[in-house]
Amino acid sequence: MTSVARSASSRTTTGHALPGASVWPPGAKRWTAGSGLGELQFLGAVRDLFLLAGEKGLYGFDAGTGQQVWHHPVSGGSGSWSAVPTDDHVFASWSGELFCFSV
């Protein structure tokens, strides 16, 4: 389940609201994601997506909001994910199987 803490009218950092701020201060926590998905590994980024992988599958998250955009589940097998993002695709492998995803 993804949790996103963000307000269009104000930005928050360490509990302090910045009314009307149009730019996030350096180091400000913008959102959190991935809670409940188990241990995740960052695989890379493509366009406005970043890719995370874990024992439950491969995930694509929106880099601006932290919203989960897609998930490719896996079951069984052993090993770890590897992935290479390109302009239009993500090529990934898990337990000897190769996948190609559109982005």
N, C-alpha and C. Protein backbone atom coordinates (compact mmCIF):
# COMPACT_ATOMS: atom_id res chain seq x y z
N MET A 1 0.84 -1.17 0.00
CA MET A 1 0.00 0.00 0.00
C MET A 1 0.89 1.24 0.00
N THR A 2 0.59 2.19 -0.82
CA THR A 2 1.38 3.40 -0.94
C THR A 2 0.76 4.50 -0.10
N SER A 3 1.60 5.21 0.64
CA SER A 3 1.09 6.35 1.37
C SER A 3 1.76 7.60 0.84
N VAL A 4 0.96 8.61 0.61
CA VAL A 4 1.47 9.86 0.06
C VAL A 4 1.00 11.00 0.94
N ALA A 5 1.93 11.80 1.43
CA ALA A 5 1.57 12.96 2.23
C ALA A 5 1.97 14.20 1.45
N ARG A 6 0.99 14.89 0.87
CA ARG A 6 1.29 16.04 0.03
C ARG A 6 0.08 16.94 -0.04
N SER A 7 0.29 18.22 -0.04
CA SER A 7 -0.80 19.18 -0.14
C SER A 7 -0.49 20.16 -1.26
N ALA A 8 -1.50 20.48 -2.06
CA ALA A 8 -1.29 21.42 -3.16
C ALA A 8 -1.11 22.85 -2.66
N SER A 9 -1.69 23.18 -1.50
CA SER A 9 -1.62 24.56 -1.03
C SER A 9 -0.39 24.84 -0.17
N SER A 10 0.22 23.81 0.39
CA SER A 10 1.40 24.04 1.21
C SER A 10 2.34 22.86 1.09
N ARG A 11 3.59 23.08 1.40
CA ARG A 11 4.60 22.04 1.40
C ARG A 11 5.03 21.83 2.83
N THR A 12 5.32 20.61 3.20
CA THR A 12 5.75 20.36 4.56
C THR A 12 7.14 19.77 4.59
N THR A 13 7.88 20.14 5.59
CA THR A 13 9.19 19.57 5.84
C THR A 13 9.39 19.56 7.34
N THR A 14 9.70 18.42 7.88
CA THR A 14 9.87 18.23 9.32
C THR A 14 8.75 18.91 10.12
N GLY A 15 7.52 18.79 9.66
CA GLY A 15 6.37 19.29 10.40
C GLY A 15 6.07 20.77 10.25
N HIS A 16 6.85 21.50 9.50
CA HIS A 16 6.61 22.93 9.32
C HIS A 16 6.04 23.18 7.93
N ALA A 17 4.91 23.85 7.87
CA ALA A 17 4.29 24.15 6.59
C ALA A 17 4.97 25.36 5.96
N LEU A 18 5.11 25.30 4.68
CA LEU A 18 5.65 26.43 3.91
C LEU A 18 4.55 26.91 2.97
N PRO A 19 3.66 27.79 3.46
CA PRO A 19 2.51 28.22 2.66
C PRO A 19 2.92 28.81 1.32
N GLY A 20 2.26 28.32 0.27
CA GLY A 20 2.47 28.86 -1.06
C GLY A 20 3.83 28.59 -1.66
N ALA A 21 4.64 27.76 -1.05
CA ALA A 21 5.97 27.49 -1.58
C ALA A 21 5.85 26.81 -2.93
N SER A 22 6.58 27.29 -3.90
CA SER A 22 6.54 26.69 -5.23
C SER A 22 7.73 25.75 -5.45
N VAL A 23 8.71 25.78 -4.57
CA VAL A 23 9.89 24.94 -4.69
C VAL A 23 10.12 24.24 -3.36
N TRP A 24 10.41 22.96 -3.40
CA TRP A 24 10.72 22.22 -2.19
C TRP A 24 12.12 22.59 -1.74
N PRO A 25 12.33 22.81 -0.45
CA PRO A 25 13.68 23.09 0.06
C PRO A 25 14.58 21.87 -0.14
N PRO A 26 15.87 22.06 -0.36
CA PRO A 26 16.77 20.93 -0.52
C PRO A 26 16.69 19.99 0.69
N GLY A 27 16.60 18.71 0.43
CA GLY A 27 16.54 17.72 1.48
C GLY A 27 15.16 17.51 2.09
N ALA A 28 14.14 18.22 1.61
CA ALA A 28 12.78 18.07 2.16
C ALA A 28 12.21 16.71 1.77
N LYS A 29 11.57 16.05 2.71
CA LYS A 29 10.90 14.78 2.44
C LYS A 29 9.58 15.09 1.74
N ARG A 30 9.45 14.66 0.49
CA ARG A 30 8.26 14.97 -0.30
C ARG A 30 7.17 13.93 -0.15
N TRP A 31 7.52 12.67 -0.04
CA TRP A 31 6.55 11.59 0.11
C TRP A 31 7.27 10.31 0.52
N THR A 32 6.49 9.31 0.93
CA THR A 32 7.02 7.98 1.20
C THR A 32 6.20 6.97 0.41
N ALA A 33 6.80 5.87 0.05
CA ALA A 33 6.10 4.85 -0.73
C ALA A 33 6.67 3.47 -0.40
N GLY A 34 5.92 2.46 -0.75
CA GLY A 34 6.41 1.10 -0.64
C GLY A 34 6.13 0.41 0.67
N SER A 35 5.44 1.04 1.58
CA SER A 35 5.14 0.43 2.87
C SER A 35 4.34 -0.86 2.67
N GLY A 36 4.74 -1.92 3.32
CA GLY A 36 4.03 -3.19 3.21
C GLY A 36 4.45 -4.06 2.05
N LEU A 37 5.44 -3.64 1.28
CA LEU A 37 5.87 -4.41 0.11
C LEU A 37 7.07 -5.30 0.41
N GLY A 38 7.55 -5.27 1.62
CA GLY A 38 8.73 -6.07 1.96
C GLY A 38 10.00 -5.31 1.60
N GLU A 39 11.12 -6.02 1.62
CA GLU A 39 12.40 -5.41 1.29
C GLU A 39 12.48 -5.12 -0.20
N LEU A 40 12.81 -3.88 -0.54
CA LEU A 40 12.85 -3.45 -1.94
C LEU A 40 14.24 -2.98 -2.33
N GLN A 41 14.57 -3.17 -3.61
CA GLN A 41 15.84 -2.75 -4.17
C GLN A 41 15.57 -1.74 -5.28
N PHE A 42 16.26 -0.61 -5.26
CA PHE A 42 16.13 0.39 -6.32
C PHE A 42 16.88 -0.11 -7.55
N LEU A 43 16.20 -0.13 -8.72
CA LEU A 43 16.80 -0.64 -9.94
C LEU A 43 17.15 0.44 -10.95
N GLY A 44 16.55 1.60 -10.83
CA GLY A 44 16.82 2.66 -11.79
C GLY A 44 15.59 3.51 -12.02
N ALA A 45 15.73 4.46 -12.93
CA ALA A 45 14.64 5.37 -13.24
C ALA A 45 14.56 5.57 -14.75
N VAL A 46 13.35 5.79 -15.23
CA VAL A 46 13.11 6.06 -16.65
C VAL A 46 11.91 7.00 -16.73
N ARG A 47 12.06 8.03 -17.54
CA ARG A 47 11.04 9.09 -17.63
C ARG A 47 10.71 9.58 -16.24
N ASP A 48 9.44 9.57 -15.85
CA ASP A 48 9.03 10.01 -14.51
C ASP A 48 8.73 8.84 -13.59
N LEU A 49 9.31 7.67 -13.90
CA LEU A 49 9.11 6.48 -13.08
C LEU A 49 10.42 6.07 -12.43
N PHE A 50 10.32 5.51 -11.24
CA PHE A 50 11.48 4.82 -10.71
C PHE A 50 11.06 3.39 -10.42
N LEU A 51 12.01 2.48 -10.53
CA LEU A 51 11.75 1.06 -10.46
C LEU A 51 12.29 0.46 -9.17
N LEU A 52 11.45 -0.32 -8.51
CA LEU A 52 11.83 -1.04 -7.31
C LEU A 52 11.49 -2.51 -7.51
N ALA A 53 12.30 -3.39 -6.95
CA ALA A 53 12.04 -4.82 -7.07
C ALA A 53 12.16 -5.47 -5.71
N GLY A 54 11.40 -6.52 -5.53
CA GLY A 54 11.45 -7.28 -4.29
C GLY A 54 10.95 -8.69 -4.54
N GLU A 55 10.80 -9.44 -3.47
CA GLU A 55 10.39 -10.83 -3.60
C GLU A 55 8.95 -10.97 -4.09
N LYS A 56 8.15 -9.91 -4.02
CA LYS A 56 6.77 -9.95 -4.48
C LYS A 56 6.61 -9.46 -5.92
N GLY A 57 7.67 -8.91 -6.52
CA GLY A 57 7.57 -8.48 -7.90
C GLY A 57 8.35 -7.22 -8.21
N LEU A 58 8.09 -6.69 -9.39
CA LEU A 58 8.72 -5.47 -9.88
C LEU A 58 7.67 -4.36 -9.84
N TYR A 59 8.06 -3.17 -9.37
CA TYR A 59 7.13 -2.06 -9.19
C TYR A 59 7.62 -0.83 -9.94
N GLY A 60 6.66 -0.07 -10.46
CA GLY A 60 6.94 1.24 -11.03
C GLY A 60 6.20 2.29 -10.23
N PHE A 61 6.93 3.31 -9.77
CA PHE A 61 6.34 4.39 -8.98
C PHE A 61 6.53 5.72 -9.69
N ASP A 62 5.53 6.59 -9.59
CA ASP A 62 5.62 7.94 -10.13
C ASP A 62 6.62 8.72 -9.28
N ALA A 63 7.65 9.27 -9.92
CA ALA A 63 8.70 9.98 -9.19
C ALA A 63 8.20 11.27 -8.55
N GLY A 64 7.18 11.89 -9.09
CA GLY A 64 6.69 13.15 -8.54
C GLY A 64 5.76 12.99 -7.36
N THR A 65 4.99 11.88 -7.34
CA THR A 65 3.97 11.72 -6.30
C THR A 65 4.21 10.55 -5.36
N GLY A 66 4.99 9.58 -5.78
CA GLY A 66 5.19 8.37 -4.99
C GLY A 66 4.09 7.34 -5.18
N GLN A 67 3.12 7.62 -6.03
CA GLN A 67 2.04 6.69 -6.31
C GLN A 67 2.55 5.47 -7.08
N GLN A 68 2.12 4.27 -6.66
CA GLN A 68 2.46 3.07 -7.41
C GLN A 68 1.69 3.09 -8.72
N VAL A 69 2.40 2.99 -9.85
CA VAL A 69 1.78 3.06 -11.17
C VAL A 69 1.50 1.66 -11.70
N TRP A 70 2.43 0.74 -11.49
CA TRP A 70 2.21 -0.63 -11.91
C TRP A 70 3.02 -1.60 -11.08
N HIS A 71 2.62 -2.88 -11.18
CA HIS A 71 3.27 -3.96 -10.43
C HIS A 71 3.22 -5.22 -11.28
N HIS A 72 4.34 -5.89 -11.42
CA HIS A 72 4.37 -7.20 -12.07
C HIS A 72 4.72 -8.22 -11.00
N PRO A 73 3.72 -9.02 -10.57
CA PRO A 73 3.98 -9.97 -9.49
C PRO A 73 4.77 -11.18 -9.97
N VAL A 74 5.52 -11.77 -9.05
CA VAL A 74 6.21 -13.03 -9.30
C VAL A 74 5.96 -13.94 -8.12
N SER A 75 6.07 -15.23 -8.37
CA SER A 75 5.96 -16.19 -7.27
C SER A 75 6.95 -17.31 -7.55
N GLY A 76 7.46 -17.86 -6.49
CA GLY A 76 8.43 -18.93 -6.64
C GLY A 76 9.75 -18.40 -7.16
N GLY A 77 10.60 -19.31 -7.51
CA GLY A 77 11.91 -18.91 -8.01
C GLY A 77 12.78 -18.38 -6.90
N SER A 78 13.99 -18.14 -7.24
CA SER A 78 14.92 -17.56 -6.28
C SER A 78 15.88 -16.67 -7.04
N GLY A 79 16.56 -15.87 -6.34
CA GLY A 79 17.48 -14.96 -6.99
C GLY A 79 17.05 -13.53 -6.78
N SER A 80 17.51 -12.67 -7.63
CA SER A 80 17.19 -11.25 -7.50
C SER A 80 16.86 -10.68 -8.87
N TRP A 81 16.21 -9.54 -8.82
CA TRP A 81 15.88 -8.83 -10.04
C TRP A 81 17.11 -8.11 -10.58
N SER A 82 17.14 -7.97 -11.88
CA SER A 82 18.04 -7.01 -12.51
C SER A 82 17.21 -6.35 -13.60
N ALA A 83 17.49 -5.08 -13.86
CA ALA A 83 16.69 -4.35 -14.84
C ALA A 83 17.52 -3.28 -15.50
N VAL A 84 17.17 -3.01 -16.77
CA VAL A 84 17.79 -1.93 -17.53
C VAL A 84 16.68 -1.09 -18.14
N PRO A 85 16.50 0.14 -17.68
CA PRO A 85 15.49 1.01 -18.28
C PRO A 85 16.04 1.69 -19.54
N THR A 86 15.19 1.84 -20.55
CA THR A 86 15.53 2.60 -21.76
C THR A 86 14.48 3.69 -21.91
N ASP A 87 14.46 4.39 -23.04
CA ASP A 87 13.50 5.47 -23.24
C ASP A 87 12.05 5.00 -23.19
N ASP A 88 11.76 3.83 -23.75
CA ASP A 88 10.39 3.38 -23.87
C ASP A 88 10.09 2.06 -23.18
N HIS A 89 11.11 1.37 -22.65
CA HIS A 89 10.92 0.04 -22.09
C HIS A 89 11.77 -0.16 -20.85
N VAL A 90 11.41 -1.18 -20.10
CA VAL A 90 12.26 -1.68 -19.02
C VAL A 90 12.48 -3.15 -19.31
N PHE A 91 13.73 -3.55 -19.44
CA PHE A 91 14.07 -4.94 -19.62
C PHE A 91 14.51 -5.46 -18.26
N ALA A 92 13.91 -6.57 -17.83
CA ALA A 92 14.19 -7.08 -16.49
C ALA A 92 14.30 -8.60 -16.53
N SER A 93 14.98 -9.14 -15.53
CA SER A 93 15.06 -10.59 -15.40
C SER A 93 14.86 -11.00 -13.95
N TRP A 94 14.27 -12.17 -13.78
CA TRP A 94 14.02 -12.77 -12.46
C TRP A 94 14.08 -14.28 -12.62
N SER A 95 14.92 -14.93 -11.86
CA SER A 95 15.03 -16.40 -11.85
C SER A 95 15.12 -16.99 -13.26
N GLY A 96 15.94 -16.39 -14.09
CA GLY A 96 16.16 -16.92 -15.43
C GLY A 96 15.11 -16.56 -16.46
N GLU A 97 14.12 -15.77 -16.10
CA GLU A 97 13.08 -15.35 -17.04
C GLU A 97 13.29 -13.89 -17.39
N LEU A 98 13.17 -13.56 -18.68
CA LEU A 98 13.37 -12.19 -19.17
C LEU A 98 12.02 -11.54 -19.44
N PHE A 99 11.87 -10.27 -19.04
CA PHE A 99 10.63 -9.51 -19.24
C PHE A 99 10.95 -8.20 -19.96
N CYS A 100 9.98 -7.70 -20.72
CA CYS A 100 10.06 -6.38 -21.33
C CYS A 100 8.77 -5.65 -21.02
N PHE A 101 8.88 -4.47 -20.36
CA PHE A 101 7.71 -3.69 -19.97
C PHE A 101 7.72 -2.36 -20.70
N SER A 102 6.56 -1.90 -21.14
CA SER A 102 6.42 -0.57 -21.73
C SER A 102 6.36 0.47 -20.62
N VAL A 103 6.90 1.65 -20.88
CA VAL A 103 6.80 2.74 -19.90
C VAL A 103 6.25 3.98 -20.58
